[in-house]
Full PDB file with SEQRES, HELIX, SHEET, SSBOND, CRYST1, ORIGX, SCALE, CONECT and MASTER records, all heavy atoms in Angstrom:
SEQRES   1 A   38  GLU PHE SER ALA THR ASP ASP GLN PRO SER PRO LEU ARG          
SEQRES   2 A   38  GLY TRP VAL GLY GLY THR GLY THR VAL GLN THR GLY ASP          
SEQRES   3 A   38  ILE HIS VAL ASP PHE ASP ARG PRO ASP ASP GLU ARG              
SHEET    1 AA1 2 PHE A   2  ALA A   4  0                                        
SHEET    2 AA1 2 LEU A  12  GLY A  14 -1                                        
SHEET    1 AA2 2 GLY A  20  THR A  24  0                                        
SHEET    2 AA2 2 ILE A  27  PHE A  31 -1                                        
CRYST1    1.000    1.000    1.000  90.00  90.00  90.00 P 1           1          
ORIGX1      1.000000  0.000000  0.000000        0.00000                         
ORIGX2      0.000000  1.000000  0.000000        0.00000                         
ORIGX3      0.000000  0.000000  1.000000        0.00000                         
SCALE1      1.000000  0.000000  0.000000        0.00000                         
SCALE2      0.000000  1.000000  0.000000        0.00000                         
SCALE3      0.000000  0.000000  1.000000        0.00000                         
ATOM      1  N   GLU A   1       0.859  -1.181   0.000  1.00  0.00           N  
ATOM      2  CA  GLU A   1       0.000   0.000   0.000  1.00  0.00           C  
ATOM      3  C   GLU A   1       0.895   1.232   0.000  1.00  0.00           C  
ATOM      4  O   GLU A   1       1.905   1.271   0.705  1.00  0.00           O  
ATOM      5  CB  GLU A   1      -0.902  -0.011   1.233  1.00  0.00           C  
ATOM      6  CG  GLU A   1      -1.831  -1.207   1.255  1.00  0.00           C  
ATOM      7  CD  GLU A   1      -2.624  -1.340   2.549  1.00  0.00           C  
ATOM      8  OE1 GLU A   1      -2.614  -0.403   3.385  1.00  0.00           O  
ATOM      9  OE2 GLU A   1      -3.242  -2.407   2.726  1.00  0.00           O  
ATOM     10  N   PHE A   2       0.525   2.239  -0.796  1.00  0.00           N  
ATOM     11  CA  PHE A   2       1.368   3.415  -0.944  1.00  0.00           C  
ATOM     12  C   PHE A   2       0.527   4.674  -1.037  1.00  0.00           C  
ATOM     13  O   PHE A   2      -0.681   4.629  -1.279  1.00  0.00           O  
ATOM     14  CB  PHE A   2       2.256   3.290  -2.189  1.00  0.00           C  
ATOM     15  CG  PHE A   2       1.475   3.294  -3.474  1.00  0.00           C  
ATOM     16  CD1 PHE A   2       1.171   4.496  -4.105  1.00  0.00           C  
ATOM     17  CD2 PHE A   2       1.022   2.119  -4.031  1.00  0.00           C  
ATOM     18  CE1 PHE A   2       0.436   4.513  -5.278  1.00  0.00           C  
ATOM     19  CE2 PHE A   2       0.280   2.119  -5.202  1.00  0.00           C  
ATOM     20  CZ  PHE A   2      -0.012   3.322  -5.836  1.00  0.00           C  
ATOM     21  N   SER A   3       1.186   5.805  -0.866  1.00  0.00           N  
ATOM     22  CA  SER A   3       0.590   7.110  -1.146  1.00  0.00           C  
ATOM     23  C   SER A   3       1.665   7.959  -1.810  1.00  0.00           C  
ATOM     24  O   SER A   3       2.856   7.785  -1.548  1.00  0.00           O  
ATOM     25  CB  SER A   3       0.053   7.770   0.126  1.00  0.00           C  
ATOM     26  OG  SER A   3       1.063   7.889   1.098  1.00  0.00           O  
ATOM     27  N   ALA A   4       1.207   8.856  -2.686  1.00  0.00           N  
ATOM     28  CA  ALA A   4       2.145   9.708  -3.419  1.00  0.00           C  
ATOM     29  C   ALA A   4       1.594  11.121  -3.436  1.00  0.00           C  
ATOM     30  O   ALA A   4       0.389  11.328  -3.591  1.00  0.00           O  
ATOM     31  CB  ALA A   4       2.331   9.189  -4.836  1.00  0.00           C  
ATOM     32  N   THR A   5       2.489  12.089  -3.254  1.00  0.00           N  
ATOM     33  CA  THR A   5       2.079  13.493  -3.328  1.00  0.00           C  
ATOM     34  C   THR A   5       2.756  14.153  -4.515  1.00  0.00           C  
ATOM     35  O   THR A   5       3.886  13.831  -4.883  1.00  0.00           O  
ATOM     36  CB  THR A   5       2.449  14.253  -2.038  1.00  0.00           C  
ATOM     37  OG1 THR A   5       3.849  14.205  -1.847  1.00  0.00           O  
ATOM     38  CG2 THR A   5       1.744  13.664  -0.822  1.00  0.00           C  
ATOM     39  N   ASP A   6       2.000  15.080  -5.127  1.00  0.00           N  
ATOM     40  CA  ASP A   6       2.527  15.860  -6.245  1.00  0.00           C  
ATOM     41  C   ASP A   6       1.833  17.213  -6.241  1.00  0.00           C  
ATOM     42  O   ASP A   6       1.447  17.686  -5.177  1.00  0.00           O  
ATOM     43  CB  ASP A   6       2.371  15.105  -7.578  1.00  0.00           C  
ATOM     44  CG  ASP A   6       0.943  14.651  -7.833  1.00  0.00           C  
ATOM     45  OD1 ASP A   6      -0.001  15.282  -7.300  1.00  0.00           O  
ATOM     46  OD2 ASP A   6       0.754  13.674  -8.572  1.00  0.00           O  
ATOM     47  N   ASP A   7       1.629  17.791  -7.391  1.00  0.00           N  
ATOM     48  CA  ASP A   7       1.034  19.124  -7.441  1.00  0.00           C  
ATOM     49  C   ASP A   7      -0.493  19.122  -7.304  1.00  0.00           C  
ATOM     50  O   ASP A   7      -1.131  20.153  -7.423  1.00  0.00           O  
ATOM     51  CB  ASP A   7       1.475  19.845  -8.719  1.00  0.00           C  
ATOM     52  CG  ASP A   7       1.013  19.125  -9.979  1.00  0.00           C  
ATOM     53  OD1 ASP A   7       0.493  17.991  -9.878  1.00  0.00           O  
ATOM     54  OD2 ASP A   7       1.183  19.689 -11.073  1.00  0.00           O  
ATOM     55  N   GLN A   8      -1.085  17.976  -7.043  1.00  0.00           N  
ATOM     56  CA  GLN A   8      -2.529  17.867  -6.852  1.00  0.00           C  
ATOM     57  C   GLN A   8      -2.877  18.122  -5.384  1.00  0.00           C  
ATOM     58  O   GLN A   8      -2.051  17.893  -4.493  1.00  0.00           O  
ATOM     59  CB  GLN A   8      -3.023  16.476  -7.271  1.00  0.00           C  
ATOM     60  CG  GLN A   8      -2.750  16.155  -8.727  1.00  0.00           C  
ATOM     61  CD  GLN A   8      -3.449  17.129  -9.662  1.00  0.00           C  
ATOM     62  OE1 GLN A   8      -4.648  17.373  -9.555  1.00  0.00           O  
ATOM     63  NE2 GLN A   8      -2.681  17.728 -10.571  1.00  0.00           N  
ATOM     64  N   PRO A   9      -4.110  18.562  -5.083  1.00  0.00           N  
ATOM     65  CA  PRO A   9      -4.463  18.900  -3.702  1.00  0.00           C  
ATOM     66  C   PRO A   9      -4.526  17.689  -2.751  1.00  0.00           C  
ATOM     67  O   PRO A   9      -4.286  17.841  -1.563  1.00  0.00           O  
ATOM     68  CB  PRO A   9      -5.836  19.568  -3.821  1.00  0.00           C  
ATOM     69  CG  PRO A   9      -6.330  19.292  -5.190  1.00  0.00           C  
ATOM     70  CD  PRO A   9      -5.160  18.905  -6.032  1.00  0.00           C  
ATOM     71  N   SER A  10      -4.819  16.507  -3.267  1.00  0.00           N  
ATOM     72  CA  SER A  10      -4.904  15.317  -2.412  1.00  0.00           C  
ATOM     73  C   SER A  10      -3.882  14.282  -2.864  1.00  0.00           C  
ATOM     74  O   SER A  10      -3.614  14.158  -4.061  1.00  0.00           O  
ATOM     75  CB  SER A  10      -6.297  14.693  -2.509  1.00  0.00           C  
ATOM     76  OG  SER A  10      -7.276  15.593  -2.070  1.00  0.00           O  
ATOM     77  N   PRO A  11      -3.337  13.502  -1.914  1.00  0.00           N  
ATOM     78  CA  PRO A  11      -2.385  12.455  -2.315  1.00  0.00           C  
ATOM     79  C   PRO A  11      -3.099  11.318  -3.049  1.00  0.00           C  
ATOM     80  O   PRO A  11      -4.278  11.072  -2.830  1.00  0.00           O  
ATOM     81  CB  PRO A  11      -1.799  11.966  -0.993  1.00  0.00           C  
ATOM     82  CG  PRO A  11      -2.759  12.387   0.059  1.00  0.00           C  
ATOM     83  CD  PRO A  11      -3.521  13.558  -0.470  1.00  0.00           C  
ATOM     84  N   LEU A  12      -2.369  10.667  -3.910  1.00  0.00           N  
ATOM     85  CA  LEU A  12      -2.836   9.452  -4.556  1.00  0.00           C  
ATOM     86  C   LEU A  12      -2.590   8.314  -3.582  1.00  0.00           C  
ATOM     87  O   LEU A  12      -1.496   8.200  -3.017  1.00  0.00           O  
ATOM     88  CB  LEU A  12      -2.060   9.210  -5.856  1.00  0.00           C  
ATOM     89  CG  LEU A  12      -2.251   7.829  -6.479  1.00  0.00           C  
ATOM     90  CD1 LEU A  12      -3.637   7.733  -7.112  1.00  0.00           C  
ATOM     91  CD2 LEU A  12      -1.170   7.549  -7.504  1.00  0.00           C  
ATOM     92  N   ARG A  13      -3.584   7.479  -3.357  1.00  0.00           N  
ATOM     93  CA  ARG A  13      -3.422   6.296  -2.516  1.00  0.00           C  
ATOM     94  C   ARG A  13      -3.785   5.070  -3.343  1.00  0.00           C  
ATOM     95  O   ARG A  13      -4.717   5.120  -4.146  1.00  0.00           O  
ATOM     96  CB  ARG A  13      -4.319   6.371  -1.295  1.00  0.00           C  
ATOM     97  CG  ARG A  13      -3.966   7.504  -0.369  1.00  0.00           C  
ATOM     98  CD  ARG A  13      -4.735   7.439   0.936  1.00  0.00           C  
ATOM     99  NE  ARG A  13      -4.444   8.592   1.757  1.00  0.00           N  
ATOM    100  CZ  ARG A  13      -3.337   8.780   2.453  1.00  0.00           C  
ATOM    101  NH1 ARG A  13      -2.394   7.876   2.425  1.00  0.00           N  
ATOM    102  NH2 ARG A  13      -3.162   9.865   3.178  1.00  0.00           N  
ATOM    103  N   GLY A  14      -3.032   4.010  -3.130  1.00  0.00           N  
ATOM    104  CA  GLY A  14      -3.324   2.791  -3.870  1.00  0.00           C  
ATOM    105  C   GLY A  14      -2.536   1.624  -3.335  1.00  0.00           C  
ATOM    106  O   GLY A  14      -1.879   1.724  -2.292  1.00  0.00           O  
ATOM    107  N   TRP A  15      -2.610   0.519  -4.042  1.00  0.00           N  
ATOM    108  CA  TRP A  15      -1.836  -0.666  -3.679  1.00  0.00           C  
ATOM    109  C   TRP A  15      -1.534  -1.480  -4.930  1.00  0.00           C  
ATOM    110  O   TRP A  15      -2.229  -1.370  -5.927  1.00  0.00           O  
ATOM    111  CB  TRP A  15      -2.536  -1.517  -2.632  1.00  0.00           C  
ATOM    112  CG  TRP A  15      -3.912  -2.011  -3.024  1.00  0.00           C  
ATOM    113  CD1 TRP A  15      -5.091  -1.369  -2.804  1.00  0.00           C  
ATOM    114  CD2 TRP A  15      -4.230  -3.229  -3.697  1.00  0.00           C  
ATOM    115  NE1 TRP A  15      -6.131  -2.121  -3.307  1.00  0.00           N  
ATOM    116  CE2 TRP A  15      -5.623  -3.269  -3.849  1.00  0.00           C  
ATOM    117  CE3 TRP A  15      -3.471  -4.282  -4.182  1.00  0.00           C  
ATOM    118  CZ2 TRP A  15      -6.293  -4.318  -4.469  1.00  0.00           C  
ATOM    119  CZ3 TRP A  15      -4.126  -5.339  -4.802  1.00  0.00           C  
ATOM    120  CH2 TRP A  15      -5.516  -5.353  -4.929  1.00  0.00           C  
ATOM    121  N   VAL A  16      -0.469  -2.248  -4.836  1.00  0.00           N  
ATOM    122  CA  VAL A  16      -0.072  -3.166  -5.899  1.00  0.00           C  
ATOM    123  C   VAL A  16       0.077  -4.539  -5.265  1.00  0.00           C  
ATOM    124  O   VAL A  16       0.756  -4.686  -4.249  1.00  0.00           O  
ATOM    125  CB  VAL A  16       1.253  -2.727  -6.569  1.00  0.00           C  
ATOM    126  CG1 VAL A  16       1.761  -3.791  -7.517  1.00  0.00           C  
ATOM    127  CG2 VAL A  16       1.067  -1.403  -7.291  1.00  0.00           C  
ATOM    128  N   GLY A  17      -0.585  -5.534  -5.844  1.00  0.00           N  
ATOM    129  CA  GLY A  17      -0.442  -6.917  -5.375  1.00  0.00           C  
ATOM    130  C   GLY A  17       0.660  -7.607  -6.152  1.00  0.00           C  
ATOM    131  O   GLY A  17       0.664  -7.573  -7.381  1.00  0.00           O  
ATOM    132  N   GLY A  18       1.599  -8.202  -5.464  1.00  0.00           N  
ATOM    133  CA  GLY A  18       2.713  -8.889  -6.141  1.00  0.00           C  
ATOM    134  C   GLY A  18       3.619  -7.906  -6.841  1.00  0.00           C  
ATOM    135  O   GLY A  18       4.202  -7.032  -6.222  1.00  0.00           O  
ATOM    136  N   THR A  19       3.713  -8.029  -8.178  1.00  0.00           N  
ATOM    137  CA  THR A  19       4.532  -7.109  -8.959  1.00  0.00           C  
ATOM    138  C   THR A  19       3.618  -6.259  -9.831  1.00  0.00           C  
ATOM    139  O   THR A  19       2.476  -6.620 -10.092  1.00  0.00           O  
ATOM    140  CB  THR A  19       5.536  -7.873  -9.842  1.00  0.00           C  
ATOM    141  OG1 THR A  19       4.783  -8.709 -10.732  1.00  0.00           O  
ATOM    142  CG2 THR A  19       6.481  -8.712  -9.012  1.00  0.00           C  
ATOM    143  N   GLY A  20       4.109  -5.129 -10.270  1.00  0.00           N  
ATOM    144  CA  GLY A  20       3.306  -4.267 -11.121  1.00  0.00           C  
ATOM    145  C   GLY A  20       3.962  -2.923 -11.284  1.00  0.00           C  
ATOM    146  O   GLY A  20       5.105  -2.718 -10.864  1.00  0.00           O  
ATOM    147  N   THR A  21       3.237  -1.996 -11.907  1.00  0.00           N  
ATOM    148  CA  THR A  21       3.759  -0.656 -12.122  1.00  0.00           C  
ATOM    149  C   THR A  21       2.708   0.390 -11.781  1.00  0.00           C  
ATOM    150  O   THR A  21       1.513   0.120 -11.812  1.00  0.00           O  
ATOM    151  CB  THR A  21       4.195  -0.434 -13.594  1.00  0.00           C  
ATOM    152  OG1 THR A  21       3.050  -0.579 -14.428  1.00  0.00           O  
ATOM    153  CG2 THR A  21       5.263  -1.412 -14.017  1.00  0.00           C  
ATOM    154  N   VAL A  22       3.199   1.571 -11.453  1.00  0.00           N  
ATOM    155  CA  VAL A  22       2.346   2.722 -11.163  1.00  0.00           C  
ATOM    156  C   VAL A  22       2.992   3.932 -11.820  1.00  0.00           C  
ATOM    157  O   VAL A  22       4.215   4.074 -11.785  1.00  0.00           O  
ATOM    158  CB  VAL A  22       2.232   2.954  -9.637  1.00  0.00           C  
ATOM    159  CG1 VAL A  22       1.586   4.295  -9.331  1.00  0.00           C  
ATOM    160  CG2 VAL A  22       1.472   1.827  -8.970  1.00  0.00           C  
ATOM    161  N   GLN A  23       2.158   4.789 -12.405  1.00  0.00           N  
ATOM    162  CA  GLN A  23       2.634   6.077 -12.903  1.00  0.00           C  
ATOM    163  C   GLN A  23       1.801   7.150 -12.233  1.00  0.00           C  
ATOM    164  O   GLN A  23       0.575   7.068 -12.220  1.00  0.00           O  
ATOM    165  CB  GLN A  23       2.497   6.179 -14.418  1.00  0.00           C  
ATOM    166  CG  GLN A  23       3.442   5.258 -15.144  1.00  0.00           C  
ATOM    167  CD  GLN A  23       3.638   5.645 -16.585  1.00  0.00           C  
ATOM    168  OE1 GLN A  23       4.760   5.917 -16.976  1.00  0.00           O  
ATOM    169  NE2 GLN A  23       2.594   5.682 -17.383  1.00  0.00           N  
ATOM    170  N   THR A  24       2.466   8.109 -11.641  1.00  0.00           N  
ATOM    171  CA  THR A  24       1.782   9.227 -10.998  1.00  0.00           C  
ATOM    172  C   THR A  24       2.678  10.452 -11.088  1.00  0.00           C  
ATOM    173  O   THR A  24       3.906  10.329 -11.057  1.00  0.00           O  
ATOM    174  CB  THR A  24       1.439   8.900  -9.526  1.00  0.00           C  
ATOM    175  OG1 THR A  24       0.756  10.009  -8.948  1.00  0.00           O  
ATOM    176  CG2 THR A  24       2.661   8.566  -8.716  1.00  0.00           C  
ATOM    177  N   GLY A  25       2.046  11.613 -11.205  1.00  0.00           N  
ATOM    178  CA  GLY A  25       2.866  12.816 -11.350  1.00  0.00           C  
ATOM    179  C   GLY A  25       3.811  12.650 -12.515  1.00  0.00           C  
ATOM    180  O   GLY A  25       3.393  12.365 -13.627  1.00  0.00           O  
ATOM    181  N   ASP A  26       5.093  12.768 -12.249  1.00  0.00           N  
ATOM    182  CA  ASP A  26       6.083  12.581 -13.305  1.00  0.00           C  
ATOM    183  C   ASP A  26       7.028  11.408 -13.007  1.00  0.00           C  
ATOM    184  O   ASP A  26       8.164  11.395 -13.455  1.00  0.00           O  
ATOM    185  CB  ASP A  26       6.871  13.875 -13.548  1.00  0.00           C  
ATOM    186  CG  ASP A  26       7.538  14.417 -12.288  1.00  0.00           C  
ATOM    187  OD1 ASP A  26       7.351  13.827 -11.200  1.00  0.00           O  
ATOM    188  OD2 ASP A  26       8.245  15.435 -12.380  1.00  0.00           O  
ATOM    189  N   ILE A  27       6.516  10.419 -12.232  1.00  0.00           N  
ATOM    190  CA  ILE A  27       7.336   9.231 -11.944  1.00  0.00           C  
ATOM    191  C   ILE A  27       6.656   7.961 -12.433  1.00  0.00           C  
ATOM    192  O   ILE A  27       5.432   7.880 -12.528  1.00  0.00           O  
ATOM    193  CB  ILE A  27       7.651   9.087 -10.432  1.00  0.00           C  
ATOM    194  CG1 ILE A  27       6.374   9.003  -9.604  1.00  0.00           C  
ATOM    195  CG2 ILE A  27       8.591  10.166  -9.963  1.00  0.00           C  
ATOM    196  CD1 ILE A  27       6.588   8.616  -8.159  1.00  0.00           C  
ATOM    197  N   HIS A  28       7.485   6.990 -12.733  1.00  0.00           N  
ATOM    198  CA  HIS A  28       7.073   5.628 -13.085  1.00  0.00           C  
ATOM    199  C   HIS A  28       7.714   4.738 -12.020  1.00  0.00           C  
ATOM    200  O   HIS A  28       8.903   4.884 -11.721  1.00  0.00           O  
ATOM    201  CB  HIS A  28       7.604   5.263 -14.477  1.00  0.00           C  
ATOM    202  CG  HIS A  28       7.330   3.862 -14.870  1.00  0.00           C  
ATOM    203  ND1 HIS A  28       6.254   3.517 -15.654  1.00  0.00           N  
ATOM    204  CD2 HIS A  28       7.971   2.707 -14.577  1.00  0.00           C  
ATOM    205  CE1 HIS A  28       6.250   2.209 -15.837  1.00  0.00           C  
ATOM    206  NE2 HIS A  28       7.289   1.695 -15.188  1.00  0.00           N  
ATOM    207  N   VAL A  29       6.921   3.820 -11.432  1.00  0.00           N  
ATOM    208  CA  VAL A  29       7.437   2.955 -10.367  1.00  0.00           C  
ATOM    209  C   VAL A  29       7.171   1.504 -10.732  1.00  0.00           C  
ATOM    210  O   VAL A  29       6.026   1.126 -11.008  1.00  0.00           O  
ATOM    211  CB  VAL A  29       6.766   3.253  -9.006  1.00  0.00           C  
ATOM    212  CG1 VAL A  29       7.452   2.470  -7.894  1.00  0.00           C  
ATOM    213  CG2 VAL A  29       6.747   4.737  -8.707  1.00  0.00           C  
ATOM    214  N   ASP A  30       8.223   0.683 -10.742  1.00  0.00           N  
ATOM    215  CA  ASP A  30       8.094  -0.767 -10.918  1.00  0.00           C  
ATOM    216  C   ASP A  30       8.212  -1.419  -9.547  1.00  0.00           C  
ATOM    217  O   ASP A  30       9.164  -1.141  -8.804  1.00  0.00           O  
ATOM    218  CB  ASP A  30       9.203  -1.312 -11.832  1.00  0.00           C  
ATOM    219  CG  ASP A  30       9.036  -0.853 -13.266  1.00  0.00           C  
ATOM    220  OD1 ASP A  30       7.942  -1.029 -13.820  1.00  0.00           O  
ATOM    221  OD2 ASP A  30      10.010  -0.307 -13.825  1.00  0.00           O  
ATOM    222  N   PHE A  31       7.259  -2.281  -9.215  1.00  0.00           N  
ATOM    223  CA  PHE A  31       7.251  -3.011  -7.948  1.00  0.00           C  
ATOM    224  C   PHE A  31       7.763  -4.419  -8.198  1.00  0.00           C  
ATOM    225  O   PHE A  31       7.301  -5.091  -9.120  1.00  0.00           O  
ATOM    226  CB  PHE A  31       5.826  -3.119  -7.399  1.00  0.00           C  
ATOM    227  CG  PHE A  31       5.255  -1.831  -6.881  1.00  0.00           C  
ATOM    228  CD1 PHE A  31       4.903  -0.804  -7.744  1.00  0.00           C  
ATOM    229  CD2 PHE A  31       5.040  -1.654  -5.525  1.00  0.00           C  
ATOM    230  CE1 PHE A  31       4.362   0.379  -7.278  1.00  0.00           C  
ATOM    231  CE2 PHE A  31       4.494  -0.476  -5.040  1.00  0.00           C  
ATOM    232  CZ  PHE A  31       4.155   0.540  -5.913  1.00  0.00           C  
ATOM    233  N   ASP A  32       8.689  -4.877  -7.359  1.00  0.00           N  
ATOM    234  CA  ASP A  32       9.221  -6.237  -7.465  1.00  0.00           C  
ATOM    235  C   ASP A  32       9.257  -6.845  -6.076  1.00  0.00           C  
ATOM    236  O   ASP A  32       9.617  -6.167  -5.109  1.00  0.00           O  
ATOM    237  CB  ASP A  32      10.619  -6.220  -8.076  1.00  0.00           C  
ATOM    238  CG  ASP A  32      11.137  -7.612  -8.410  1.00  0.00           C  
ATOM    239  OD1 ASP A  32      10.348  -8.584  -8.380  1.00  0.00           O  
ATOM    240  OD2 ASP A  32      12.335  -7.739  -8.709  1.00  0.00           O  
ATOM    241  N   ARG A  33       8.859  -8.112  -5.982  1.00  0.00           N  
ATOM    242  CA  ARG A  33       8.935  -8.849  -4.715  1.00  0.00           C  
ATOM    243  C   ARG A  33       9.805 -10.078  -4.965  1.00  0.00           C  
ATOM    244  O   ARG A  33       9.299 -11.145  -5.279  1.00  0.00           O  
ATOM    245  CB  ARG A  33       7.540  -9.243  -4.248  1.00  0.00           C  
ATOM    246  CG  ARG A  33       6.738  -7.988  -3.912  1.00  0.00           C  
ATOM    247  CD  ARG A  33       5.650  -8.176  -2.992  1.00  0.00           C  
ATOM    248  NE  ARG A  33       6.035  -8.509  -1.647  1.00  0.00           N  
ATOM    249  CZ  ARG A  33       5.193  -8.385  -0.633  1.00  0.00           C  
ATOM    250  NH1 ARG A  33       3.978  -7.950  -0.814  1.00  0.00           N  
ATOM    251  NH2 ARG A  33       5.578  -8.719   0.573  1.00  0.00           N  
ATOM    252  N   PRO A  34      11.124  -9.916  -4.846  1.00  0.00           N  
ATOM    253  CA  PRO A  34      12.014 -11.040  -5.157  1.00  0.00           C  
ATOM    254  C   PRO A  34      11.840 -12.221  -4.203  1.00  0.00           C  
ATOM    255  O   PRO A  34      12.212 -13.339  -4.533  1.00  0.00           O  
ATOM    256  CB  PRO A  34      13.410 -10.445  -5.060  1.00  0.00           C  
ATOM    257  CG  PRO A  34      13.267  -9.184  -4.293  1.00  0.00           C  
ATOM    258  CD  PRO A  34      11.863  -8.724  -4.467  1.00  0.00           C  
ATOM    259  N   ASP A  35      11.292 -11.984  -3.025  1.00  0.00           N  
ATOM    260  CA  ASP A  35      10.987 -13.054  -2.085  1.00  0.00           C  
ATOM    261  C   ASP A  35       9.891 -12.554  -1.149  1.00  0.00           C  
ATOM    262  O   ASP A  35       9.426 -11.426  -1.273  1.00  0.00           O  
ATOM    263  CB  ASP A  35      12.237 -13.523  -1.319  1.00  0.00           C  
ATOM    264  CG  ASP A  35      12.980 -12.384  -0.644  1.00  0.00           C  
ATOM    265  OD1 ASP A  35      12.343 -11.614   0.110  1.00  0.00           O  
ATOM    266  OD2 ASP A  35      14.192 -12.248  -0.861  1.00  0.00           O  
ATOM    267  N   ASP A  36       9.468 -13.391  -0.225  1.00  0.00           N  
ATOM    268  CA  ASP A  36       8.353 -13.043   0.657  1.00  0.00           C  
ATOM    269  C   ASP A  36       8.654 -11.906   1.618  1.00  0.00           C  
ATOM    270  O   ASP A  36       7.743 -11.302   2.160  1.00  0.00           O  
ATOM    271  CB  ASP A  36       7.925 -14.268   1.475  1.00  0.00           C  
ATOM    272  CG  ASP A  36       7.271 -15.320   0.602  1.00  0.00           C  
ATOM    273  OD1 ASP A  36       6.815 -14.979  -0.501  1.00  0.00           O  
ATOM    274  OD2 ASP A  36       7.217 -16.491   1.031  1.00  0.00           O  
ATOM    275  N   GLU A  37       9.916 -11.618   1.836  1.00  0.00           N  
ATOM    276  CA  GLU A  37      10.276 -10.656   2.877  1.00  0.00           C  
ATOM    277  C   GLU A  37      10.649  -9.271   2.357  1.00  0.00           C  
ATOM    278  O   GLU A  37      10.745  -8.335   3.126  1.00  0.00           O  
ATOM    279  CB  GLU A  37      11.458 -11.207   3.680  1.00  0.00           C  
ATOM    280  CG  GLU A  37      11.152 -12.525   4.358  1.00  0.00           C  
ATOM    281  CD  GLU A  37      12.394 -13.176   4.941  1.00  0.00           C  
ATOM    282  OE1 GLU A  37      13.471 -12.549   4.918  1.00  0.00           O  
ATOM    283  OE2 GLU A  37      12.275 -14.312   5.403  1.00  0.00           O  
ATOM    284  N   ARG A  38      10.876  -9.133   1.060  1.00  0.00           N  
ATOM    285  CA  ARG A  38      11.429  -7.867   0.573  1.00  0.00           C  
ATOM    286  C   ARG A  38      10.622  -7.296  -0.579  1.00  0.00           C  
ATOM    287  O   ARG A  38      10.027  -8.028  -1.357  1.00  0.00           O  
ATOM    288  CB  ARG A  38      12.880  -8.074   0.120  1.00  0.00           C  
ATOM    289  CG  ARG A  38      13.774  -8.521   1.264  1.00  0.00           C  
ATOM    290  CD  ARG A  38      15.210  -8.781   0.857  1.00  0.00           C  
ATOM    291  NE  ARG A  38      15.309  -9.634  -0.306  1.00  0.00           N  
ATOM    292  CZ  ARG A  38      15.940  -9.286  -1.431  1.00  0.00           C  
ATOM    293  NH1 ARG A  38      16.560  -8.141  -1.535  1.00  0.00           N  
ATOM    294  NH2 ARG A  38      15.991 -10.103  -2.455  1.00  0.00           N  
TER     295      ARG A  38                                                      
MASTER        0    0    0    0    4    0    0    6  294    1    0    3          
END                                                                             
């Protein structure tokens, strides 16, 4: 679960299950879970 702030009045809140990507503001984020702990 994550939140991101940018030039918008409210933060973006969301979640990614397992692996995936998110784009918000001017960033691109790749999520990786190489094992259960990290």
